[in-house]
């Protein structure tokens, strides 16, 4: 291969990298614009209370079984693993403290967020994506109805309100799972376990998890709506939007969890 061919290959590599960076920046710009329009629509009339209630049931109440089962098994496994690890150093008594701390601060909101993302973000993207490709969103605009206000805002509000409630219920179930394993299998006294749990848990630990849950709810609804609104190409495009909504929601939840942890516990 000649020197000019080598130079051309290198230039092609840089061109591909440049296009990828430009595409990424353009996508970030579109997402920022969509987020700004959605936030502006939240504070502007009218308020679709009935739609918010429907989405609250769909996002929150119907997600309770999967969040509860996941939290129960997570709390049980966490208690068992902490006991087995602490047993090596004679620190078995720390099980209730570590379980309540891990669940309220991290595992409760993160697991609830990931479970709801898999269920809700996909459903939102599929629903809105289908409306997009069948031109139902264009019909809303023709009828002088703001699609962002009608479709996005109820889902954002419902997700932000329901996720902290889901997380609080999941935290309780997860702590109960750890309590059950500790008392039934690890030889802990129930009253002592509960006392250690209550004495160690602080309002800051609980509130930090609920704040994270509200942010995760916003991310889940936003990603579902954004990818649904930008779907194209018929059924294949709707399927791609559904996949992208779940993947982007999970990635942003994990990234924002680190940022929120650094902010909330910086002191």
C-alpha atoms as a PDB file:
ATOM      1  CA  UNK A   1       0.000   0.000   0.000  1.00  0.00           C
ATOM      2  CA  UNK A   2       1.357   3.387  -0.992  1.00  0.00           C
ATOM      3  CA  UNK A   3       1.947   6.305   1.351  1.00  0.00           C
ATOM      4  CA  UNK A   4      -1.008   8.187  -0.085  1.00  0.00           C
ATOM      5  CA  UNK A   5      -3.297   5.210   0.635  1.00  0.00           C
ATOM      6  CA  UNK A   6      -2.112   5.117   4.260  1.00  0.00           C
ATOM      7  CA  UNK A   7      -2.796   8.843   4.566  1.00  0.00           C
ATOM      8  CA  UNK A   8      -6.263   8.399   3.059  1.00  0.00           C
ATOM      9  CA  UNK A   9      -7.113   5.606   5.520  1.00  0.00           C
ATOM     10  CA  UNK A  10      -6.048   7.777   8.431  1.00  0.00           C
ATOM     11  CA  UNK A  11      -8.159  10.652   7.161  1.00  0.00           C
ATOM     12  CA  UNK A  12     -11.152   8.313   6.793  1.00  0.00           C
ATOM     13  CA  UNK A  13     -10.746   7.260  10.430  1.00  0.00           C
ATOM     14  CA  UNK A  14     -10.721  10.885  11.556  1.00  0.00           C
ATOM     15  CA  UNK A  15     -13.744  11.575   9.373  1.00  0.00           C
ATOM     16  CA  UNK A  16     -15.688   8.730  10.997  1.00  0.00           C
ATOM     17  CA  UNK A  17     -14.737   9.963  14.470  1.00  0.00           C
ATOM     18  CA  UNK A  18     -15.737  13.498  13.548  1.00  0.00           C
ATOM     19  CA  UNK A  19     -19.119  12.392  12.226  1.00  0.00           C
ATOM     20  CA  UNK A  20     -19.746  10.323  15.351  1.00  0.00           C
ATOM     21  CA  UNK A  21     -18.914  13.294  17.593  1.00  0.00           C
ATOM     22  CA  UNK A  22     -21.138  15.625  15.562  1.00  0.00           C
ATOM     23  CA  UNK A  23     -24.004  13.127  15.659  1.00  0.00           C
ATOM     24  CA  UNK A  24     -23.601  12.823  19.433  1.00  0.00           C
ATOM     25  CA  UNK A  25     -23.624  16.585  19.910  1.00  0.00           C
ATOM     26  CA  UNK A  26     -26.678  16.907  17.675  1.00  0.00           C
ATOM     27  CA  UNK A  27     -28.489  14.228  19.694  1.00  0.00           C
ATOM     28  CA  UNK A  28     -27.612  15.988  22.951  1.00  0.00           C
ATOM     29  CA  UNK A  29     -28.946  19.231  21.491  1.00  0.00           C
ATOM     30  CA  UNK A  30     -32.225  17.606  20.439  1.00  0.00           C
ATOM     31  CA  UNK A  31     -32.622  16.024  23.872  1.00  0.00           C
ATOM     32  CA  UNK A  32     -31.884  19.331  25.619  1.00  0.00           C
ATOM     33  CA  UNK A  33     -34.436  21.109  23.435  1.00  0.00           C
ATOM     34  CA  UNK A  34     -37.048  18.427  24.113  1.00  0.00           C
ATOM     35  CA  UNK A  35     -36.349  18.609  27.857  1.00  0.00           C
ATOM     36  CA  UNK A  36     -36.674  22.382  27.851  1.00  0.00           C
ATOM     37  CA  UNK A  37     -40.002  22.284  26.014  1.00  0.00           C
ATOM     38  CA  UNK A  38     -41.269  19.607  28.386  1.00  0.00           C
ATOM     39  CA  UNK A  39     -40.319  21.589  31.497  1.00  0.00           C
ATOM     40  CA  UNK A  40     -41.906  24.715  30.057  1.00  0.00           C
ATOM     41  CA  UNK A  41     -45.108  22.787  29.329  1.00  0.00           C
ATOM     42  CA  UNK A  42     -45.296  21.543  32.929  1.00  0.00           C
ATOM     43  CA  UNK A  43     -45.725  25.065  34.317  1.00  0.00           C
ATOM     44  CA  UNK A  44     -48.150  26.264  31.633  1.00  0.00           C
ATOM     45  CA  UNK A  45     -51.916  25.646  31.508  1.00  0.00           C
ATOM     46  CA  UNK A  46     -53.991  23.606  31.013  1.00  0.00           C
ATOM     47  CA  UNK A  47     -53.499  20.793  33.548  1.00  0.00           C
ATOM     48  CA  UNK A  48     -54.707  17.358  32.429  1.00  0.00           C
ATOM     49  CA  UNK A  49     -55.443  15.933  35.875  1.00  0.00           C
ATOM     50  CA  UNK A  50     -57.274  12.875  34.566  1.00  0.00           C
ATOM     51  CA  UNK A  51     -54.348  11.902  32.352  1.00  0.00           C
ATOM     52  CA  UNK A  52     -51.905  12.382  35.222  1.00  0.00           C
ATOM     53  CA  UNK A  53     -54.032  10.087  37.384  1.00  0.00           C
ATOM     54  CA  UNK A  54     -54.140   7.427  34.677  1.00  0.00           C
ATOM     55  CA  UNK A  55     -50.385   7.535  34.221  1.00  0.00           C
ATOM     56  CA  UNK A  56     -49.872   7.461  37.995  1.00  0.00           C
ATOM     57  CA  UNK A  57     -51.736   4.159  38.124  1.00  0.00           C
ATOM     58  CA  UNK A  58     -49.907   2.786  35.076  1.00  0.00           C
ATOM     59  CA  UNK A  59     -46.416   3.846  36.160  1.00  0.00           C
ATOM     60  CA  UNK A  60     -46.706   3.528  39.923  1.00  0.00           C
ATOM     61  CA  UNK A  61     -49.371   1.110  41.038  1.00  0.00           C
ATOM     62  CA  UNK A  62     -48.914  -1.444  38.256  1.00  0.00           C
ATOM     63  CA  UNK A  63     -45.135  -1.453  38.793  1.00  0.00           C
ATOM     64  CA  UNK A  64     -45.509  -2.329  42.469  1.00  0.00           C
ATOM     65  CA  UNK A  65     -45.412  -6.155  42.063  1.00  0.00           C
ATOM     66  CA  UNK A  66     -42.132  -6.255  40.136  1.00  0.00           C
ATOM     67  CA  UNK A  67     -40.507  -3.667  42.416  1.00  0.00           C
ATOM     68  CA  UNK A  68     -41.730  -5.455  45.552  1.00  0.00           C
ATOM     69  CA  UNK A  69     -40.527  -8.892  44.475  1.00  0.00           C
ATOM     70  CA  UNK A  70     -37.149  -7.542  43.411  1.00  0.00           C
ATOM     71  CA  UNK A  71     -36.722  -5.609  46.667  1.00  0.00           C
ATOM     72  CA  UNK A  72     -37.699  -8.635  48.758  1.00  0.00           C
ATOM     73  CA  UNK A  73     -35.131 -10.904  47.143  1.00  0.00           C
ATOM     74  CA  UNK A  74     -32.478  -8.172  47.204  1.00  0.00           C
ATOM     75  CA  UNK A  75     -32.922  -7.560  50.934  1.00  0.00           C
ATOM     76  CA  UNK A  76     -32.792 -11.274  51.683  1.00  0.00           C
ATOM     77  CA  UNK A  77     -29.673 -11.888  49.617  1.00  0.00           C
ATOM     78  CA  UNK A  78     -28.016  -8.765  51.010  1.00  0.00           C
ATOM     79  CA  UNK A  79     -28.526  -9.877  54.606  1.00  0.00           C
ATOM     80  CA  UNK A  80     -27.132 -13.326  53.842  1.00  0.00           C
ATOM     81  CA  UNK A  81     -24.078 -12.004  52.025  1.00  0.00           C
ATOM     82  CA  UNK A  82     -23.285  -9.428  54.712  1.00  0.00           C
ATOM     83  CA  UNK A  83     -23.545 -12.110  57.384  1.00  0.00           C
ATOM     84  CA  UNK A  84     -21.244 -14.458  55.484  1.00  0.00           C
ATOM     85  CA  UNK A  85     -18.732 -11.690  54.850  1.00  0.00           C
ATOM     86  CA  UNK A  86     -18.868 -10.315  58.384  1.00  0.00           C
ATOM     87  CA  UNK A  87     -18.528 -13.797  59.852  1.00  0.00           C
ATOM     88  CA  UNK A  88     -14.916 -13.896  58.665  1.00  0.00           C
ATOM     89  CA  UNK A  89     -14.050 -10.989  60.974  1.00  0.00           C
ATOM     90  CA  UNK A  90     -16.514 -11.585  63.797  1.00  0.00           C
ATOM     91  CA  UNK A  91     -18.738  -8.720  62.646  1.00  0.00           C
ATOM     92  CA  UNK A  92     -22.017 -10.556  62.094  1.00  0.00           C
ATOM     93  CA  UNK A  93     -23.904  -8.047  64.260  1.00  0.00           C
ATOM     94  CA  UNK A  94     -23.623  -5.316  61.608  1.00  0.00           C
ATOM     95  CA  UNK A  95     -26.155  -7.031  59.313  1.00  0.00           C
ATOM     96  CA  UNK A  96     -29.198  -4.855  60.185  1.00  0.00           C
ATOM     97  CA  UNK A  97     -27.223  -1.619  59.976  1.00  0.00           C
ATOM     98  CA  UNK A  98     -25.683  -2.360  56.591  1.00  0.00           C
ATOM     99  CA  UNK A  99     -28.922  -3.702  55.151  1.00  0.00           C
ATOM    100  CA  UNK A 100     -30.931  -0.588  56.012  1.00  0.00           C
ATOM    101  CA  UNK A 101     -28.135   1.720  54.870  1.00  0.00           C
ATOM    102  CA  UNK A 102     -27.580  -0.027  51.544  1.00  0.00           C
ATOM    103  CA  UNK A 103     -31.266  -0.313  50.719  1.00  0.00           C
ATOM    104  CA  UNK A 104     -32.377   3.198  51.651  1.00  0.00           C
ATOM    105  CA  UNK A 105     -29.404   4.990  50.116  1.00  0.00           C
ATOM    106  CA  UNK A 106     -28.639   2.962  47.004  1.00  0.00           C
ATOM    107  CA  UNK A 107     -30.268  -0.351  46.245  1.00  0.00           C
ATOM    108  CA  UNK A 108     -33.854   0.726  46.852  1.00  0.00           C
ATOM    109  CA  UNK A 109     -33.979   3.662  44.417  1.00  0.00           C
ATOM    110  CA  UNK A 110     -31.600   2.142  41.866  1.00  0.00           C
ATOM    111  CA  UNK A 111     -33.324  -1.229  41.654  1.00  0.00           C
ATOM    112  CA  UNK A 112     -36.758   0.408  41.550  1.00  0.00           C
ATOM    113  CA  UNK A 113     -35.519   2.735  38.827  1.00  0.00           C
ATOM    114  CA  UNK A 114     -34.076  -0.058  36.708  1.00  0.00           C
ATOM    115  CA  UNK A 115     -37.177  -2.232  37.086  1.00  0.00           C
ATOM    116  CA  UNK A 116     -39.523   0.626  36.219  1.00  0.00           C
ATOM    117  CA  UNK A 117     -37.279   1.634  33.319  1.00  0.00           C
ATOM    118  CA  UNK A 118     -37.545  -1.845  31.829  1.00  0.00           C
ATOM    119  CA  UNK A 119     -41.314  -1.824  32.163  1.00  0.00           C
ATOM    120  CA  UNK A 120     -42.407   1.796  31.751  1.00  0.00           C
ATOM    121  CA  UNK A 121     -39.837   3.390  29.442  1.00  0.00           C
ATOM    122  CA  UNK A 122     -40.431   0.664  26.869  1.00  0.00           C
ATOM    123  CA  UNK A 123     -44.208   1.022  27.144  1.00  0.00           C
ATOM    124  CA  UNK A 124     -44.090   4.813  26.813  1.00  0.00           C
ATOM    125  CA  UNK A 125     -41.754   4.687  23.821  1.00  0.00           C
ATOM    126  CA  UNK A 126     -43.881   2.036  22.101  1.00  0.00           C
ATOM    127  CA  UNK A 127     -47.132   3.916  22.734  1.00  0.00           C
ATOM    128  CA  UNK A 128     -45.906   7.330  21.617  1.00  0.00           C
ATOM    129  CA  UNK A 129     -43.834   5.836  18.802  1.00  0.00           C
ATOM    130  CA  UNK A 130     -46.904   4.109  17.418  1.00  0.00           C
ATOM    131  CA  UNK A 131     -48.803   7.399  17.591  1.00  0.00           C
ATOM    132  CA  UNK A 132     -45.906   9.078  15.782  1.00  0.00           C
ATOM    133  CA  UNK A 133     -45.673   6.675  12.868  1.00  0.00           C
ATOM    134  CA  UNK A 134     -49.470   6.545  12.459  1.00  0.00           C
ATOM    135  CA  UNK A 135     -49.598  10.382  12.438  1.00  0.00           C
ATOM    136  CA  UNK A 136     -51.808  10.614  15.516  1.00  0.00           C
ATOM    137  CA  UNK A 137     -49.446  13.219  16.982  1.00  0.00           C
ATOM    138  CA  UNK A 138     -49.896  15.320  13.855  1.00  0.00           C
ATOM    139  CA  UNK A 139     -53.639  15.000  14.362  1.00  0.00           C
ATOM    140  CA  UNK A 140     -53.297  16.423  17.878  1.00  0.00           C
ATOM    141  CA  UNK A 141     -51.467  19.433  16.467  1.00  0.00           C
ATOM    142  CA  UNK A 142     -54.202  19.879  13.869  1.00  0.00           C
ATOM    143  CA  UNK A 143     -56.760  19.946  16.694  1.00  0.00           C
ATOM    144  CA  UNK A 144     -54.770  22.753  18.403  1.00  0.00           C
ATOM    145  CA  UNK A 145     -53.573  20.431  21.171  1.00  0.00           C
ATOM    146  CA  UNK A 146     -49.941  20.679  22.236  1.00  0.00           C
ATOM    147  CA  UNK A 147     -48.567  17.103  21.949  1.00  0.00           C
ATOM    148  CA  UNK A 148     -45.892  17.804  24.560  1.00  0.00           C
ATOM    149  CA  UNK A 149     -48.492  19.065  27.018  1.00  0.00           C
ATOM    150  CA  UNK A 150     -50.942  16.257  26.297  1.00  0.00           C
ATOM    151  CA  UNK A 151     -48.588  13.274  26.028  1.00  0.00           C
ATOM    152  CA  UNK A 152     -45.332  14.109  27.798  1.00  0.00           C
ATOM    153  CA  UNK A 153     -46.289  16.219  30.816  1.00  0.00           C
ATOM    154  CA  UNK A 154     -48.735  13.708  32.390  1.00  0.00           C
ATOM    155  CA  UNK A 155     -46.115  10.966  32.151  1.00  0.00           C
ATOM    156  CA  UNK A 156     -43.345  13.148  33.575  1.00  0.00           C
ATOM    157  CA  UNK A 157     -45.440  14.351  36.504  1.00  0.00           C
ATOM    158  CA  UNK A 158     -46.785  10.879  37.262  1.00  0.00           C
ATOM    159  CA  UNK A 159     -43.318   9.309  37.140  1.00  0.00           C
ATOM    160  CA  UNK A 160     -41.752  11.947  39.390  1.00  0.00           C
ATOM    161  CA  UNK A 161     -44.570  11.577  41.934  1.00  0.00           C
ATOM    162  CA  UNK A 162     -44.885   7.788  41.862  1.00  0.00           C
ATOM    163  CA  UNK A 163     -41.219   6.779  41.949  1.00  0.00           C
ATOM    164  CA  UNK A 164     -40.545   8.014  45.517  1.00  0.00           C
ATOM    165  CA  UNK A 165     -43.650   6.159  46.701  1.00  0.00           C
ATOM    166  CA  UNK A 166     -42.551   3.009  44.893  1.00  0.00           C
ATOM    167  CA  UNK A 167     -39.084   3.348  46.376  1.00  0.00           C
ATOM    168  CA  UNK A 168     -40.427   3.832  49.902  1.00  0.00           C
ATOM    169  CA  UNK A 169     -42.536   0.693  49.570  1.00  0.00           C
ATOM    170  CA  UNK A 170     -39.600  -1.171  48.026  1.00  0.00           C
ATOM    171  CA  UNK A 171     -37.311  -0.059  50.869  1.00  0.00           C
ATOM    172  CA  UNK A 172     -39.768  -1.404  53.430  1.00  0.00           C
ATOM    173  CA  UNK A 173     -40.126  -4.718  51.610  1.00  0.00           C
ATOM    174  CA  UNK A 174     -36.357  -5.030  51.159  1.00  0.00           C
ATOM    175  CA  UNK A 175     -35.701  -4.396  54.852  1.00  0.00           C
ATOM    176  CA  UNK A 176     -38.404  -6.937  55.670  1.00  0.00           C
ATOM    177  CA  UNK A 177     -36.662  -9.476  53.424  1.00  0.00           C
ATOM    178  CA  UNK A 178     -33.393  -8.937  55.283  1.00  0.00           C
ATOM    179  CA  UNK A 179     -35.194  -9.175  58.619  1.00  0.00           C
ATOM    180  CA  UNK A 180     -36.870 -12.461  57.646  1.00  0.00           C
ATOM    181  CA  UNK A 181     -33.623 -14.116  56.591  1.00  0.00           C
ATOM    182  CA  UNK A 182     -31.736 -12.803  59.613  1.00  0.00           C
ATOM    183  CA  UNK A 183     -34.331 -14.028  62.103  1.00  0.00           C
ATOM    184  CA  UNK A 184     -35.293 -17.299  60.437  1.00  0.00           C
ATOM    185  CA  UNK A 185     -31.916 -18.443  59.143  1.00  0.00           C
ATOM    186  CA  UNK A 186     -29.127 -16.507  60.826  1.00  0.00           C
ATOM    187  CA  UNK A 187     -30.158 -16.659  64.462  1.00  0.00           C
ATOM    188  CA  UNK A 188     -30.901 -12.958  65.054  1.00  0.00           C
ATOM    189  CA  UNK A 189     -33.455 -11.880  67.643  1.00  0.00           C
ATOM    190  CA  UNK A 190     -36.310 -10.052  65.927  1.00  0.00           C
ATOM    191  CA  UNK A 191     -36.652  -7.212  68.446  1.00  0.00           C
ATOM    192  CA  UNK A 192     -32.913  -6.569  68.524  1.00  0.00           C
ATOM    193  CA  UNK A 193     -32.705  -6.585  64.725  1.00  0.00           C
ATOM    194  CA  UNK A 194     -35.530  -4.052  64.439  1.00  0.00           C
ATOM    195  CA  UNK A 195     -34.052  -1.834  67.153  1.00  0.00           C
ATOM    196  CA  UNK A 196     -30.665  -1.749  65.432  1.00  0.00           C
ATOM    197  CA  UNK A 197     -32.365  -0.966  62.132  1.00  0.00           C
ATOM    198  CA  UNK A 198     -34.421   1.917  63.558  1.00  0.00           C
ATOM    199  CA  UNK A 199     -31.538   3.345  65.588  1.00  0.00           C
ATOM    200  CA  UNK A 200     -29.103   3.319  62.673  1.00  0.00           C
ATOM    201  CA  UNK A 201     -31.363   4.660  59.915  1.00  0.00           C
ATOM    202  CA  UNK A 202     -31.500   8.461  59.637  1.00  0.00           C
ATOM    203  CA  UNK A 203     -33.885  10.780  57.851  1.00  0.00           C
ATOM    204  CA  UNK A 204     -31.014  11.891  55.603  1.00  0.00           C
ATOM    205  CA  UNK A 205     -30.494   8.311  54.401  1.00  0.00           C
ATOM    206  CA  UNK A 206     -34.183   7.898  53.596  1.00  0.00           C
ATOM    207  CA  UNK A 207     -34.615  11.315  51.964  1.00  0.00           C
ATOM    208  CA  UNK A 208     -31.536  10.867  49.780  1.00  0.00           C
ATOM    209  CA  UNK A 209     -33.043   7.699  48.339  1.00  0.00           C
ATOM    210  CA  UNK A 210     -36.394   9.395  47.709  1.00  0.00           C
ATOM    211  CA  UNK A 211     -34.718  12.339  45.976  1.00  0.00           C
ATOM    212  CA  UNK A 212     -32.834   9.915  43.750  1.00  0.00           C
ATOM    213  CA  UNK A 213     -36.085   8.106  42.976  1.00  0.00           C
ATOM    214  CA  UNK A 214     -37.776  11.322  41.843  1.00  0.00           C
ATOM    215  CA  UNK A 215     -34.862  12.102  39.513  1.00  0.00           C
ATOM    216  CA  UNK A 216     -34.904   8.546  38.165  1.00  0.00           C
ATOM    217  CA  UNK A 217     -38.642   8.845  37.504  1.00  0.00           C
ATOM    218  CA  UNK A 218     -38.055  11.996  35.474  1.00  0.00           C
ATOM    219  CA  UNK A 219     -35.315  10.269  33.480  1.00  0.00           C
ATOM    220  CA  UNK A 220     -37.469   7.215  32.754  1.00  0.00           C
ATOM    221  CA  UNK A 221     -40.455   9.192  31.515  1.00  0.00           C
ATOM    222  CA  UNK A 222     -38.302  11.653  29.574  1.00  0.00           C
ATOM    223  CA  UNK A 223     -36.376   8.935  27.738  1.00  0.00           C
ATOM    224  CA  UNK A 224     -39.533   7.028  26.881  1.00  0.00           C
ATOM    225  CA  UNK A 225     -41.248  10.136  25.530  1.00  0.00           C
ATOM    226  CA  UNK A 226     -38.170  11.438  23.712  1.00  0.00           C
ATOM    227  CA  UNK A 227     -37.439   8.231  21.830  1.00  0.00           C
ATOM    228  CA  UNK A 228     -41.127   7.741  21.105  1.00  0.00           C
ATOM    229  CA  UNK A 229     -41.424  11.224  19.617  1.00  0.00           C
ATOM    230  CA  UNK A 230     -38.334  10.687  17.471  1.00  0.00           C
ATOM    231  CA  UNK A 231     -39.231   7.221  16.186  1.00  0.00           C
ATOM    232  CA  UNK A 232     -39.629   6.731  12.452  1.00  0.00           C
ATOM    233  CA  UNK A 233     -39.741   3.994   9.897  1.00  0.00           C
ATOM    234  CA  UNK A 234     -42.822   2.039  10.899  1.00  0.00           C
ATOM    235  CA  UNK A 235     -42.782  -0.967  13.202  1.00  0.00           C
ATOM    236  CA  UNK A 236     -39.005  -1.347  12.977  1.00  0.00           C
ATOM    237  CA  UNK A 237     -38.527   2.256  14.081  1.00  0.00           C
ATOM    238  CA  UNK A 238     -40.890   1.790  17.018  1.00  0.00           C
ATOM    239  CA  UNK A 239     -38.947  -1.298  18.102  1.00  0.00           C
ATOM    240  CA  UNK A 240     -35.669   0.606  17.923  1.00  0.00           C
ATOM    241  CA  UNK A 241     -37.171   3.485  19.924  1.00  0.00           C
ATOM    242  CA  UNK A 242     -38.326   1.041  22.596  1.00  0.00           C
ATOM    243  CA  UNK A 243     -34.868  -0.497  22.919  1.00  0.00           C
ATOM    244  CA  UNK A 244     -33.141   2.883  22.961  1.00  0.00           C
ATOM    245  CA  UNK A 245     -35.522   4.179  25.637  1.00  0.00           C
ATOM    246  CA  UNK A 246     -34.725   1.315  28.019  1.00  0.00           C
ATOM    247  CA  UNK A 247     -30.968   1.370  27.393  1.00  0.00           C
ATOM    248  CA  UNK A 248     -30.638   5.149  27.707  1.00  0.00           C
ATOM    249  CA  UNK A 249     -32.818   5.189  30.840  1.00  0.00           C
ATOM    250  CA  UNK A 250     -30.678   2.555  32.569  1.00  0.00           C
ATOM    251  CA  UNK A 251     -27.411   4.266  31.628  1.00  0.00           C
ATOM    252  CA  UNK A 252     -28.615   7.682  32.781  1.00  0.00           C
ATOM    253  CA  UNK A 253     -29.987   6.242  36.033  1.00  0.00           C
ATOM    254  CA  UNK A 254     -26.607   4.729  36.905  1.00  0.00           C
ATOM    255  CA  UNK A 255     -24.721   7.867  35.866  1.00  0.00           C
ATOM    256  CA  UNK A 256     -27.040  10.210  37.747  1.00  0.00           C
ATOM    257  CA  UNK A 257     -26.884   7.938  40.805  1.00  0.00           C
ATOM    258  CA  UNK A 258     -23.161   8.593  41.082  1.00  0.00           C
ATOM    259  CA  UNK A 259     -23.629  12.345  40.602  1.00  0.00           C
ATOM    260  CA  UNK A 260     -26.454  12.538  43.145  1.00  0.00           C
ATOM    261  CA  UNK A 261     -24.484  10.490  45.670  1.00  0.00           C
ATOM    262  CA  UNK A 262     -21.524  12.829  45.318  1.00  0.00           C
ATOM    263  CA  UNK A 263     -23.794  15.851  45.807  1.00  0.00           C
ATOM    264  CA  UNK A 264     -25.974  14.541  48.631  1.00  0.00           C
ATOM    265  CA  UNK A 265     -23.127  13.070  50.676  1.00  0.00           C
ATOM    266  CA  UNK A 266     -20.361  15.502  49.796  1.00  0.00           C
ATOM    267  CA  UNK A 267     -20.230  16.732  53.388  1.00  0.00           C
END
